[in-house]
Structure formats: structure tokens, C-alpha cells
Amino acid sequence: MKVVLRKVTTTPLDFEVKSNEITFKGYLQYHFGKLILLKAHLKGFVDTECDICAKEIKLPVDEEIEFFISDGVYEDEQNSIDLDIVESFDSTADLDELLNSEIELIKSDYYSCEECKNING
């Protein structure tokens, strides 16, 4: 699902994207300048592997996501923005791609299955 950034206003634009067993639901809202605020909830399960034995595990996910999307390159010499900023170079927000990026970010952490947790204390 792609959203044209210039069509996002101060009225929140709701979205919901699903992938396998996970839902990415929230809204986009114009903030200021070239920035669009994305606030969402990520809920469901992600398949990943135990980093010790490589056994497949289902990881429960229940996270709040909040960042800005910049319509083009964002430059802030004063560092006044506390949230992460994702730059869009085609004036769209690809919500499927953002969901996949969040899933990959979660999967990049270190996880161990219950068996390996019990063995390693």
C-alpha cells in the first residue's frame, strides 16, 4: 500500500497493513515542513530462528512504532527532532516496505528458544 505524501494532511490518515501473522495499524499525519508523522501499533507473530541452535521460533510482537517520514532529504542543523526519520525520494510512503523493514529490524536482534534458555541458564 503506497500513500502519496502530499495528500497527507493534519487530519490523521488511518492505515492497516497485514503480512502473514502480523498487523501494522496506525495513522499518518502532517507535522511540519516536509515531515509526516507515522504512529502505529505492530502486533502479531514473527518467525525467526534461535541464535544458538537455529530452531524456528515464533516471536510474539506487540510494539508501538513512531517515526517521521520526510518527503525528500531532511536536514536539521539544530537536531530538534527526537524521533527517527525515514526519507522518501519518490514522495510516497510504501507501508508494506515499512512493515517489512520493522519486521527485519525485530528479527535482527538476538533470540534463543526455550530449550536453549533452559540449558544456558
N, C-alpha and C. Protein backbone atom coordinates (compact mmCIF):
# COMPACT_ATOMS: atom_id res chain seq x y z
N MET A 1 0.85 -1.17 0.00
CA MET A 1 0.00 0.00 0.00
C MET A 1 0.90 1.24 0.00
N LYS A 2 0.74 2.05 -1.04
CA LYS A 2 1.52 3.28 -1.13
C LYS A 2 0.62 4.48 -0.88
N VAL A 3 1.15 5.45 -0.15
CA VAL A 3 0.43 6.68 0.16
C VAL A 3 1.24 7.84 -0.39
N VAL A 4 0.58 8.72 -1.16
CA VAL A 4 1.24 9.91 -1.68
C VAL A 4 1.36 10.91 -0.54
N LEU A 5 2.58 11.32 -0.22
CA LEU A 5 2.82 12.15 0.97
C LEU A 5 2.16 13.52 0.90
N ARG A 6 2.09 14.12 -0.27
CA ARG A 6 1.49 15.46 -0.35
C ARG A 6 -0.02 15.44 -0.09
N LYS A 7 -0.63 14.25 -0.08
CA LYS A 7 -2.06 14.15 0.20
C LYS A 7 -2.34 13.95 1.70
N VAL A 8 -1.28 13.79 2.49
CA VAL A 8 -1.44 13.63 3.94
C VAL A 8 -1.60 15.01 4.55
N THR A 9 -2.65 15.18 5.36
CA THR A 9 -2.95 16.48 5.96
C THR A 9 -2.83 16.39 7.48
N THR A 10 -3.27 17.44 8.17
CA THR A 10 -3.26 17.43 9.63
C THR A 10 -4.35 16.51 10.19
N THR A 11 -5.29 16.12 9.35
CA THR A 11 -6.28 15.12 9.76
C THR A 11 -5.65 13.75 9.60
N PRO A 12 -5.56 12.94 10.66
CA PRO A 12 -4.89 11.63 10.57
C PRO A 12 -5.48 10.75 9.47
N LEU A 13 -4.60 10.13 8.70
CA LEU A 13 -4.98 9.20 7.64
C LEU A 13 -4.70 7.78 8.15
N ASP A 14 -5.77 7.06 8.47
CA ASP A 14 -5.64 5.71 9.03
C ASP A 14 -5.17 4.71 7.98
N PHE A 15 -4.42 3.70 8.44
CA PHE A 15 -3.99 2.61 7.56
C PHE A 15 -3.92 1.32 8.36
N GLU A 16 -3.98 0.23 7.63
CA GLU A 16 -3.78 -1.10 8.21
C GLU A 16 -3.17 -1.99 7.14
N VAL A 17 -2.03 -2.58 7.45
CA VAL A 17 -1.31 -3.46 6.54
C VAL A 17 -1.06 -4.76 7.28
N LYS A 18 -1.30 -5.89 6.59
CA LYS A 18 -1.06 -7.19 7.20
C LYS A 18 -0.05 -7.97 6.37
N SER A 19 0.76 -8.77 7.07
CA SER A 19 1.72 -9.64 6.42
C SER A 19 1.83 -10.91 7.26
N ASN A 20 1.46 -12.02 6.68
CA ASN A 20 1.45 -13.31 7.38
C ASN A 20 0.68 -13.19 8.70
N GLU A 21 1.38 -13.25 9.82
CA GLU A 21 0.71 -13.24 11.12
C GLU A 21 0.91 -11.94 11.88
N ILE A 22 1.16 -10.83 11.17
CA ILE A 22 1.42 -9.57 11.86
C ILE A 22 0.61 -8.45 11.21
N THR A 23 0.15 -7.52 12.05
CA THR A 23 -0.65 -6.38 11.59
C THR A 23 0.06 -5.09 11.98
N PHE A 24 0.11 -4.18 11.03
CA PHE A 24 0.72 -2.85 11.18
C PHE A 24 -0.42 -1.86 10.99
N LYS A 25 -0.88 -1.27 12.10
CA LYS A 25 -2.08 -0.43 12.06
C LYS A 25 -1.80 0.90 12.75
N GLY A 26 -2.18 1.98 12.10
CA GLY A 26 -1.94 3.29 12.69
C GLY A 26 -2.42 4.41 11.80
N TYR A 27 -1.68 5.53 11.84
CA TYR A 27 -2.07 6.67 11.01
C TYR A 27 -0.85 7.49 10.59
N LEU A 28 -1.04 8.25 9.52
CA LEU A 28 -0.08 9.22 9.04
C LEU A 28 -0.70 10.60 9.23
N GLN A 29 0.12 11.59 9.62
CA GLN A 29 -0.39 12.93 9.86
C GLN A 29 0.70 13.95 9.56
N TYR A 30 0.33 15.00 8.82
CA TYR A 30 1.28 16.07 8.51
C TYR A 30 1.74 16.71 9.81
N HIS A 31 3.08 16.91 9.94
CA HIS A 31 3.64 17.50 11.15
C HIS A 31 4.08 18.94 10.89
N PHE A 32 5.11 19.14 10.12
CA PHE A 32 5.52 20.47 9.65
C PHE A 32 6.59 20.29 8.58
N GLY A 33 6.78 21.33 7.76
CA GLY A 33 7.80 21.27 6.71
C GLY A 33 7.55 20.10 5.79
N LYS A 34 8.56 19.25 5.66
CA LYS A 34 8.47 18.06 4.80
C LYS A 34 8.16 16.80 5.62
N LEU A 35 7.82 16.95 6.89
CA LEU A 35 7.69 15.80 7.77
C LEU A 35 6.26 15.32 7.96
N ILE A 36 6.11 14.01 7.84
CA ILE A 36 4.85 13.31 8.10
C ILE A 36 5.09 12.39 9.29
N LEU A 37 4.24 12.48 10.30
CA LEU A 37 4.35 11.61 11.47
C LEU A 37 3.64 10.28 11.19
N LEU A 38 4.34 9.18 11.49
CA LEU A 38 3.72 7.86 11.42
C LEU A 38 3.66 7.32 12.84
N LYS A 39 2.45 7.03 13.31
CA LYS A 39 2.24 6.38 14.62
C LYS A 39 1.47 5.11 14.33
N ALA A 40 1.97 3.99 14.84
CA ALA A 40 1.34 2.72 14.55
C ALA A 40 1.59 1.71 15.66
N HIS A 41 0.82 0.64 15.58
CA HIS A 41 0.96 -0.49 16.50
C HIS A 41 1.27 -1.71 15.66
N LEU A 42 2.29 -2.45 16.06
CA LEU A 42 2.71 -3.67 15.38
C LEU A 42 2.36 -4.82 16.30
N LYS A 43 1.49 -5.73 15.82
CA LYS A 43 1.03 -6.81 16.69
C LYS A 43 0.89 -8.10 15.90
N GLY A 44 1.33 -9.19 16.52
CA GLY A 44 1.22 -10.49 15.89
C GLY A 44 2.41 -11.36 16.23
N PHE A 45 2.81 -12.18 15.26
CA PHE A 45 3.93 -13.10 15.45
C PHE A 45 4.88 -13.03 14.26
N VAL A 46 6.17 -13.12 14.56
CA VAL A 46 7.22 -13.12 13.54
C VAL A 46 7.98 -14.43 13.67
N ASP A 47 8.20 -15.07 12.53
CA ASP A 47 9.02 -16.28 12.51
C ASP A 47 10.48 -15.88 12.44
N THR A 48 11.27 -16.43 13.35
CA THR A 48 12.71 -16.19 13.36
C THR A 48 13.39 -17.47 13.81
N GLU A 49 14.69 -17.42 13.99
CA GLU A 49 15.44 -18.61 14.40
C GLU A 49 16.17 -18.35 15.71
N CYS A 50 16.32 -19.41 16.48
CA CYS A 50 17.14 -19.37 17.68
C CYS A 50 18.58 -19.13 17.25
N ASP A 51 19.24 -18.17 17.87
CA ASP A 51 20.61 -17.85 17.51
C ASP A 51 21.62 -18.87 18.04
N ILE A 52 21.16 -19.82 18.83
CA ILE A 52 22.06 -20.85 19.36
C ILE A 52 21.94 -22.14 18.57
N CYS A 53 20.71 -22.66 18.42
CA CYS A 53 20.52 -23.95 17.76
C CYS A 53 19.86 -23.85 16.38
N ALA A 54 19.44 -22.68 15.98
CA ALA A 54 18.81 -22.42 14.66
C ALA A 54 17.41 -23.00 14.54
N LYS A 55 16.82 -23.40 15.66
CA LYS A 55 15.45 -23.90 15.64
C LYS A 55 14.49 -22.73 15.34
N GLU A 56 13.47 -23.00 14.53
CA GLU A 56 12.47 -21.99 14.19
C GLU A 56 11.64 -21.65 15.44
N ILE A 57 11.47 -20.35 15.71
CA ILE A 57 10.64 -19.92 16.83
C ILE A 57 9.67 -18.83 16.36
N LYS A 58 8.51 -18.82 16.99
CA LYS A 58 7.51 -17.79 16.74
C LYS A 58 7.66 -16.74 17.82
N LEU A 59 7.98 -15.55 17.40
CA LEU A 59 8.24 -14.47 18.32
C LEU A 59 7.00 -13.58 18.44
N PRO A 60 6.41 -13.46 19.63
CA PRO A 60 5.27 -12.56 19.78
C PRO A 60 5.73 -11.10 19.70
N VAL A 61 4.98 -10.29 18.97
CA VAL A 61 5.32 -8.87 18.78
C VAL A 61 4.12 -8.03 19.19
N ASP A 62 4.38 -7.02 20.01
CA ASP A 62 3.34 -6.08 20.44
C ASP A 62 4.06 -4.76 20.74
N GLU A 63 4.26 -3.95 19.70
CA GLU A 63 5.08 -2.75 19.84
C GLU A 63 4.40 -1.51 19.27
N GLU A 64 4.70 -0.39 19.90
CA GLU A 64 4.29 0.91 19.37
C GLU A 64 5.43 1.42 18.49
N ILE A 65 5.07 1.92 17.32
CA ILE A 65 6.04 2.43 16.36
C ILE A 65 5.74 3.91 16.13
N GLU A 66 6.78 4.74 16.15
CA GLU A 66 6.59 6.16 15.91
C GLU A 66 7.86 6.73 15.28
N PHE A 67 7.70 7.31 14.09
CA PHE A 67 8.82 7.98 13.42
C PHE A 67 8.26 8.96 12.39
N PHE A 68 9.16 9.75 11.83
CA PHE A 68 8.77 10.70 10.79
C PHE A 68 9.18 10.18 9.43
N ILE A 69 8.40 10.54 8.42
CA ILE A 69 8.75 10.30 7.03
C ILE A 69 8.98 11.67 6.41
N SER A 70 10.13 11.85 5.80
CA SER A 70 10.46 13.11 5.16
C SER A 70 10.25 12.99 3.66
N ASP A 71 9.56 13.96 3.08
CA ASP A 71 9.37 13.99 1.64
C ASP A 71 10.63 14.58 1.02
N GLY A 72 11.63 13.74 0.80
CA GLY A 72 12.94 14.16 0.30
C GLY A 72 13.96 14.14 1.42
N VAL A 73 15.13 14.65 1.12
CA VAL A 73 16.23 14.69 2.10
C VAL A 73 15.85 15.64 3.24
N TYR A 74 16.08 15.20 4.46
CA TYR A 74 15.77 16.04 5.61
C TYR A 74 17.08 16.50 6.24
N GLU A 75 17.20 17.80 6.40
CA GLU A 75 18.38 18.38 7.05
C GLU A 75 17.93 19.19 8.25
N ASP A 76 18.51 18.88 9.41
CA ASP A 76 18.14 19.56 10.65
C ASP A 76 19.43 19.92 11.37
N GLU A 77 19.91 21.13 11.12
CA GLU A 77 21.16 21.55 11.76
C GLU A 77 21.01 21.71 13.27
N GLN A 78 19.80 21.95 13.76
CA GLN A 78 19.59 22.19 15.19
C GLN A 78 19.30 20.91 15.97
N ASN A 79 19.17 19.77 15.27
CA ASN A 79 18.86 18.49 15.91
C ASN A 79 17.65 18.59 16.82
N SER A 80 16.60 19.21 16.33
CA SER A 80 15.41 19.44 17.14
C SER A 80 14.41 18.28 17.09
N ILE A 81 14.67 17.25 16.30
CA ILE A 81 13.77 16.11 16.16
C ILE A 81 14.32 14.94 16.97
N ASP A 82 13.48 14.40 17.87
CA ASP A 82 13.91 13.30 18.72
C ASP A 82 13.61 11.93 18.11
N LEU A 83 12.72 11.87 17.13
CA LEU A 83 12.35 10.59 16.53
C LEU A 83 13.21 10.29 15.30
N ASP A 84 13.23 9.01 14.91
CA ASP A 84 13.90 8.62 13.68
C ASP A 84 13.19 9.23 12.49
N ILE A 85 13.92 9.43 11.40
CA ILE A 85 13.35 10.00 10.18
C ILE A 85 13.70 9.08 9.02
N VAL A 86 12.66 8.66 8.29
CA VAL A 86 12.82 7.87 7.08
C VAL A 86 12.62 8.81 5.91
N GLU A 87 13.58 8.83 4.99
CA GLU A 87 13.49 9.73 3.85
C GLU A 87 12.85 9.02 2.66
N SER A 88 11.90 9.70 2.02
CA SER A 88 11.25 9.18 0.82
C SER A 88 11.71 10.03 -0.36
N PHE A 89 12.20 9.38 -1.41
CA PHE A 89 12.71 10.12 -2.56
C PHE A 89 11.75 10.11 -3.74
N ASP A 90 10.58 9.47 -3.56
CA ASP A 90 9.59 9.48 -4.64
C ASP A 90 8.25 10.04 -4.17
N SER A 91 8.25 10.77 -3.05
CA SER A 91 7.06 11.44 -2.49
C SER A 91 5.93 10.48 -2.14
N THR A 92 6.31 9.22 -1.82
CA THR A 92 5.32 8.24 -1.37
C THR A 92 5.84 7.52 -0.14
N ALA A 93 4.91 6.99 0.63
CA ALA A 93 5.25 6.12 1.76
C ALA A 93 4.74 4.73 1.40
N ASP A 94 5.66 3.79 1.24
CA ASP A 94 5.29 2.41 0.93
C ASP A 94 5.13 1.68 2.26
N LEU A 95 3.90 1.54 2.71
CA LEU A 95 3.63 0.97 4.03
C LEU A 95 3.99 -0.51 4.11
N ASP A 96 3.88 -1.23 3.01
CA ASP A 96 4.31 -2.64 3.00
C ASP A 96 5.82 -2.73 3.23
N GLU A 97 6.55 -1.85 2.57
CA GLU A 97 8.01 -1.83 2.75
C GLU A 97 8.39 -1.42 4.17
N LEU A 98 7.68 -0.44 4.74
CA LEU A 98 7.95 -0.03 6.11
C LEU A 98 7.66 -1.17 7.09
N LEU A 99 6.57 -1.91 6.86
CA LEU A 99 6.26 -3.07 7.70
C LEU A 99 7.36 -4.10 7.61
N ASN A 100 7.80 -4.42 6.39
CA ASN A 100 8.87 -5.41 6.23
C ASN A 100 10.16 -4.95 6.89
N SER A 101 10.45 -3.66 6.83
CA SER A 101 11.65 -3.12 7.49
C SER A 101 11.56 -3.28 9.00
N GLU A 102 10.39 -3.01 9.56
CA GLU A 102 10.21 -3.18 11.01
C GLU A 102 10.35 -4.64 11.42
N ILE A 103 9.82 -5.55 10.61
CA ILE A 103 9.95 -6.99 10.89
C ILE A 103 11.42 -7.40 10.86
N GLU A 104 12.15 -6.96 9.85
CA GLU A 104 13.57 -7.31 9.75
C GLU A 104 14.37 -6.72 10.90
N LEU A 105 14.00 -5.53 11.33
CA LEU A 105 14.68 -4.92 12.48
C LEU A 105 14.46 -5.75 13.74
N ILE A 106 13.25 -6.24 13.94
CA ILE A 106 12.95 -7.10 15.09
C ILE A 106 13.73 -8.40 14.99
N LYS A 107 13.75 -9.00 13.81
CA LYS A 107 14.44 -10.28 13.61
C LYS A 107 15.95 -10.16 13.76
N SER A 108 16.50 -8.97 13.60
CA SER A 108 17.96 -8.80 13.69
C SER A 108 18.48 -8.85 15.12
N ASP A 109 17.59 -8.83 16.10
CA ASP A 109 18.00 -8.91 17.50
C ASP A 109 18.41 -10.35 17.82
N TYR A 110 18.90 -10.58 19.01
CA TYR A 110 19.36 -11.89 19.46
C TYR A 110 18.21 -12.61 20.16
N TYR A 111 17.91 -13.85 19.72
CA TYR A 111 16.83 -14.63 20.33
C TYR A 111 17.30 -16.06 20.58
N SER A 112 16.77 -16.65 21.64
CA SER A 112 17.02 -18.06 21.90
C SER A 112 15.72 -18.74 22.25
N CYS A 113 15.60 -20.00 21.83
CA CYS A 113 14.40 -20.78 22.11
C CYS A 113 14.36 -21.16 23.59
N GLU A 114 13.25 -21.67 24.03
CA GLU A 114 13.08 -22.06 25.44
C GLU A 114 14.07 -23.14 25.86
N GLU A 115 14.33 -24.10 24.96
CA GLU A 115 15.27 -25.17 25.29
C GLU A 115 16.67 -24.62 25.55
N CYS A 116 17.12 -23.72 24.69
CA CYS A 116 18.46 -23.14 24.85
C CYS A 116 18.53 -22.21 26.06
N LYS A 117 17.42 -21.53 26.37
CA LYS A 117 17.38 -20.70 27.57
C LYS A 117 17.55 -21.55 28.81
N ASN A 118 16.89 -22.72 28.83
CA ASN A 118 16.96 -23.62 29.99
C ASN A 118 18.34 -24.25 30.13
N ILE A 119 19.00 -24.55 29.02
CA ILE A 119 20.34 -25.16 29.06
C ILE A 119 21.37 -24.16 29.51
N ASN A 120 21.26 -22.95 29.00
CA ASN A 120 22.27 -21.92 29.27
C ASN A 120 21.98 -21.07 30.51
N GLY A 121 20.88 -21.38 31.18
CA GLY A 121 20.57 -20.70 32.42
C GLY A 121 20.04 -19.36 32.21
